[in-house]
Amino acid sequence: MRYVVGIDGGGTKTKATVADETGNIVRSFAVGPLNLNGQDAGSVEQTLGHLLQITTEVCGGLDHCMQMCLGAAGISNPVVAERLTTLIRSGGYHGGLDLVGDHETALCGALDRSIGMILIAGTGSICFGRNARGETHRTGGFGHLIDDEGSGYFIGRELLSAVVRAADGRSGPTAITELVYAQLEIDSVRQLIGFVYSKDTNKKDIAALAPLLSQACELGDSTALAIARRSAIALAELAAPVASRLALEEGELALAGSVLLRSAHVQAGVREALSERFPRLTCTLPKHDAAYGAVMLALRALAPGRG
């Protein structure tokens, strides 16, 4: 039996799915982080080594794995792509290998095909689409310092801003203050500033506050509801040019990522904003994950006429 492997490489963990050549899923498993833009080379090498070891066991030898597709952030950087290829080859894998952006594997997994659009709002935010002519367009995904509007980081920062604005009187009291203090185990703005500007605090720590938005919205907090609206509008603005440029105004858009999947207020706001502009656009939730999407791409590479 011949096998393919689809890999969704992330900064926190990496998910891999093994399927046989007919498309039947054999096994899915998770290993460590796989992001050369955010991890040291040694950690990435260890993750790939572990991944190849498990793949060897599942397939009965790496020689039985005929095609591998790895989707990860930063693949467009030639240095990253070359380094990942070298590590995979030095690990004993000699079959077909495709390296693509994680937004491409996410699209295939979410819609069960490569045509359509996906809007992802997790720690960061990005929209990607492909039409029937093979044309693609991407918006966003340029990092938290200059972009990532509507993302978990964006929301986390907005929540922190709401706390200090309420504290100094620029805005009224908000339930966000108590929620943020409780999660961070602090009780003052001074401690909050210490957390924000600590050298140990990174963008993921800020984004980790995003789930508090839903709690505050459920309480009817006006500040939280306003943040949810701003996030929704920003995310809809990511999707709009993709739909227009690719003539997918009547196509399908998958809503993915922790913000869109876990915040009912943000998701509803995105749906409302897009329905007003593109009344025939269909917004759906993902059918499968990015690792499954990578499997689809690997199967297509193995048998080009497939799907």
Foldseek 3Di string as FASTA:
>chain_A
DAKEKFWEAAQAKIKIWIDHLVLHTQDIDIFGHADVVRDPLVRNLVRLLVVVVVVCVSQVGLVRYAFYEYAEPPCVPVVSVVSVVVSNVVSPHDHHYHYYHLLQLQCCQQVVHRADKEWAAALATKIKGAHPVRDIDIFGPPDDVPTRFLHLLNQLVLLLVVLVCCVVVVDPDAPSNVLVCVVVVHDDNVVVVCQVPPPPDDSVNSSVSSLVLQVRVVVVTPSSLVSLLRSLVSSLVRVVVRCVVNVQLLHEYEYYYDCCVRRPSNVVNNVVVSCVVRVNYHYHHGPGGSRSSSSVVRSCVVPVVDD
